[in-house]
Amino acid sequence: MARECAVERGILLTRTAPHPVHPLPMVLPLGPMVAPEQGASAAVGLRLSDALRVGTHTPRD
């Protein structure tokens, strides 16, 4: 399902609606109450998401 979403995102960004669709930056509030392991797992998740984007040939922006 995640791959399908990435492919659909690429279609929206390049063909269907490139004028109103723009990628948004993500901010993760990693403060002192967040355990280092949680921050590391969030970083891994973001990297996997980016790898999925690259794998589906979706543009970064």
N, C-alpha and C. Protein backbone atom coordinates (compact mmCIF):
# COMPACT_ATOMS: atom_id res chain seq x y z
N MET A 1 0.82 -1.18 0.00
CA MET A 1 0.00 0.00 0.00
C MET A 1 0.87 1.25 0.00
N ALA A 2 1.98 1.22 0.73
CA ALA A 2 2.86 2.38 0.77
C ALA A 2 3.45 2.66 -0.60
N ARG A 3 3.79 1.59 -1.33
CA ARG A 3 4.34 1.77 -2.68
C ARG A 3 3.29 2.40 -3.60
N GLU A 4 2.06 1.94 -3.51
CA GLU A 4 0.99 2.51 -4.32
C GLU A 4 0.80 3.99 -4.03
N CYS A 5 0.89 4.37 -2.76
CA CYS A 5 0.77 5.78 -2.38
C CYS A 5 1.91 6.60 -2.96
N ALA A 6 3.12 6.04 -2.94
CA ALA A 6 4.27 6.75 -3.50
C ALA A 6 4.12 6.94 -5.00
N VAL A 7 3.62 5.91 -5.68
CA VAL A 7 3.41 6.01 -7.13
C VAL A 7 2.34 7.06 -7.42
N GLU A 8 1.25 7.03 -6.66
CA GLU A 8 0.18 8.01 -6.86
C GLU A 8 0.67 9.43 -6.59
N ARG A 9 1.50 9.59 -5.57
CA ARG A 9 2.08 10.91 -5.28
C ARG A 9 2.88 11.41 -6.47
N GLY A 10 3.66 10.52 -7.09
CA GLY A 10 4.44 10.90 -8.26
C GLY A 10 3.57 11.31 -9.42
N ILE A 11 2.46 10.61 -9.61
CA ILE A 11 1.54 10.96 -10.69
C ILE A 11 0.93 12.34 -10.44
N LEU A 12 0.54 12.60 -9.19
CA LEU A 12 -0.04 13.91 -8.87
C LEU A 12 0.99 15.03 -9.05
N LEU A 13 2.23 14.78 -8.63
CA LEU A 13 3.26 15.82 -8.72
C LEU A 13 3.71 16.10 -10.14
N THR A 14 3.60 15.13 -11.03
CA THR A 14 4.17 15.32 -12.37
C THR A 14 3.13 15.45 -13.48
N ARG A 15 1.99 14.75 -13.36
CA ARG A 15 1.05 14.71 -14.49
C ARG A 15 -0.32 15.29 -14.20
N THR A 16 -0.97 14.77 -13.18
CA THR A 16 -2.38 15.13 -12.95
C THR A 16 -2.55 16.57 -12.51
N ALA A 17 -1.83 16.97 -11.48
CA ALA A 17 -2.04 18.31 -10.91
C ALA A 17 -0.73 18.89 -10.39
N PRO A 18 0.25 19.13 -11.27
CA PRO A 18 1.52 19.66 -10.76
C PRO A 18 1.43 21.09 -10.23
N HIS A 19 0.43 21.85 -10.66
CA HIS A 19 0.33 23.24 -10.22
C HIS A 19 -0.19 23.38 -8.78
N PRO A 20 -1.22 22.62 -8.32
CA PRO A 20 -1.67 22.81 -6.94
C PRO A 20 -1.04 21.85 -5.93
N VAL A 21 -0.29 20.85 -6.39
CA VAL A 21 0.26 19.85 -5.48
C VAL A 21 1.73 20.12 -5.25
N HIS A 22 2.11 20.30 -3.98
CA HIS A 22 3.50 20.57 -3.62
C HIS A 22 3.88 19.72 -2.41
N PRO A 23 5.09 19.17 -2.42
CA PRO A 23 5.52 18.42 -1.24
C PRO A 23 5.72 19.36 -0.05
N LEU A 24 5.42 18.88 1.13
CA LEU A 24 5.58 19.67 2.35
C LEU A 24 6.69 19.09 3.21
N PRO A 25 7.45 19.94 3.88
CA PRO A 25 8.49 19.40 4.76
C PRO A 25 7.86 18.76 6.00
N MET A 26 8.60 17.82 6.58
CA MET A 26 8.14 17.16 7.80
C MET A 26 8.98 17.62 8.98
N VAL A 27 8.34 17.86 10.10
CA VAL A 27 9.04 18.23 11.32
C VAL A 27 8.66 17.22 12.40
N LEU A 28 9.66 16.66 13.05
CA LEU A 28 9.41 15.74 14.16
C LEU A 28 9.86 16.41 15.45
N PRO A 29 8.95 16.60 16.38
CA PRO A 29 9.33 17.24 17.65
C PRO A 29 10.04 16.24 18.57
N LEU A 30 11.34 16.18 18.47
CA LEU A 30 12.13 15.27 19.30
C LEU A 30 12.74 16.06 20.44
N GLY A 31 12.00 16.18 21.51
CA GLY A 31 12.45 16.93 22.68
C GLY A 31 13.05 16.02 23.74
N PRO A 32 13.28 16.56 24.91
CA PRO A 32 13.91 15.78 25.98
C PRO A 32 13.04 14.63 26.49
N MET A 33 11.74 14.67 26.24
CA MET A 33 10.86 13.60 26.71
C MET A 33 10.86 12.39 25.77
N VAL A 34 11.50 12.52 24.61
CA VAL A 34 11.54 11.43 23.63
C VAL A 34 12.82 10.64 23.85
N ALA A 35 12.67 9.34 23.99
CA ALA A 35 13.83 8.47 24.19
C ALA A 35 14.69 8.44 22.93
N PRO A 36 16.00 8.31 23.07
CA PRO A 36 16.88 8.24 21.89
C PRO A 36 16.50 7.11 20.93
N GLU A 37 16.00 6.00 21.45
CA GLU A 37 15.59 4.89 20.59
C GLU A 37 14.40 5.29 19.72
N GLN A 38 13.50 6.07 20.28
CA GLN A 38 12.35 6.52 19.50
C GLN A 38 12.78 7.47 18.39
N GLY A 39 13.71 8.35 18.69
CA GLY A 39 14.22 9.25 17.67
C GLY A 39 14.94 8.49 16.57
N ALA A 40 15.70 7.47 16.95
CA ALA A 40 16.41 6.66 15.96
C ALA A 40 15.43 5.89 15.08
N SER A 41 14.38 5.35 15.68
CA SER A 41 13.41 4.61 14.86
C SER A 41 12.65 5.55 13.93
N ALA A 42 12.38 6.77 14.36
CA ALA A 42 11.74 7.75 13.48
C ALA A 42 12.66 8.10 12.31
N ALA A 43 13.95 8.24 12.58
CA ALA A 43 14.92 8.53 11.51
C ALA A 43 14.99 7.39 10.51
N VAL A 44 14.95 6.16 10.99
CA VAL A 44 14.97 5.00 10.10
C VAL A 44 13.70 4.98 9.24
N GLY A 45 12.56 5.28 9.84
CA GLY A 45 11.31 5.33 9.10
C GLY A 45 11.33 6.37 8.00
N LEU A 46 11.88 7.54 8.30
CA LEU A 46 11.96 8.59 7.28
C LEU A 46 12.91 8.20 6.15
N ARG A 47 14.00 7.54 6.50
CA ARG A 47 14.94 7.09 5.45
C ARG A 47 14.32 6.00 4.58
N LEU A 48 13.56 5.09 5.19
CA LEU A 48 12.87 4.06 4.41
C LEU A 48 11.82 4.68 3.50
N SER A 49 11.14 5.69 3.99
CA SER A 49 10.15 6.40 3.18
C SER A 49 10.82 7.06 1.98
N ASP A 50 11.97 7.67 2.20
CA ASP A 50 12.71 8.31 1.12
C ASP A 50 13.22 7.26 0.13
N ALA A 51 13.65 6.10 0.62
CA ALA A 51 14.09 5.02 -0.27
C ALA A 51 12.93 4.53 -1.13
N LEU A 52 11.75 4.46 -0.55
CA LEU A 52 10.56 4.07 -1.32
C LEU A 52 10.27 5.09 -2.41
N ARG A 53 10.42 6.37 -2.08
CA ARG A 53 10.21 7.43 -3.08
C ARG A 53 11.20 7.28 -4.23
N VAL A 54 12.46 7.03 -3.91
CA VAL A 54 13.48 6.86 -4.94
C VAL A 54 13.18 5.61 -5.77
N GLY A 55 12.74 4.54 -5.11
CA GLY A 55 12.43 3.30 -5.80
C GLY A 55 11.27 3.41 -6.78
N THR A 56 10.36 4.31 -6.52
CA THR A 56 9.21 4.49 -7.42
C THR A 56 9.46 5.64 -8.41
N HIS A 57 10.66 6.20 -8.38
CA HIS A 57 11.05 7.28 -9.31
C HIS A 57 10.17 8.51 -9.17
N THR A 58 9.76 8.79 -7.92
CA THR A 58 8.95 9.97 -7.64
C THR A 58 9.90 11.14 -7.37
N PRO A 59 9.62 12.30 -7.93
CA PRO A 59 10.52 13.44 -7.69
C PRO A 59 10.49 13.89 -6.24
N ARG A 60 11.61 14.44 -5.81
CA ARG A 60 11.71 14.92 -4.43
C ARG A 60 10.85 16.16 -4.22
N ASP A 61 10.83 17.04 -5.17
CA ASP A 61 10.01 18.25 -5.07
C ASP A 61 9.58 18.72 -6.41
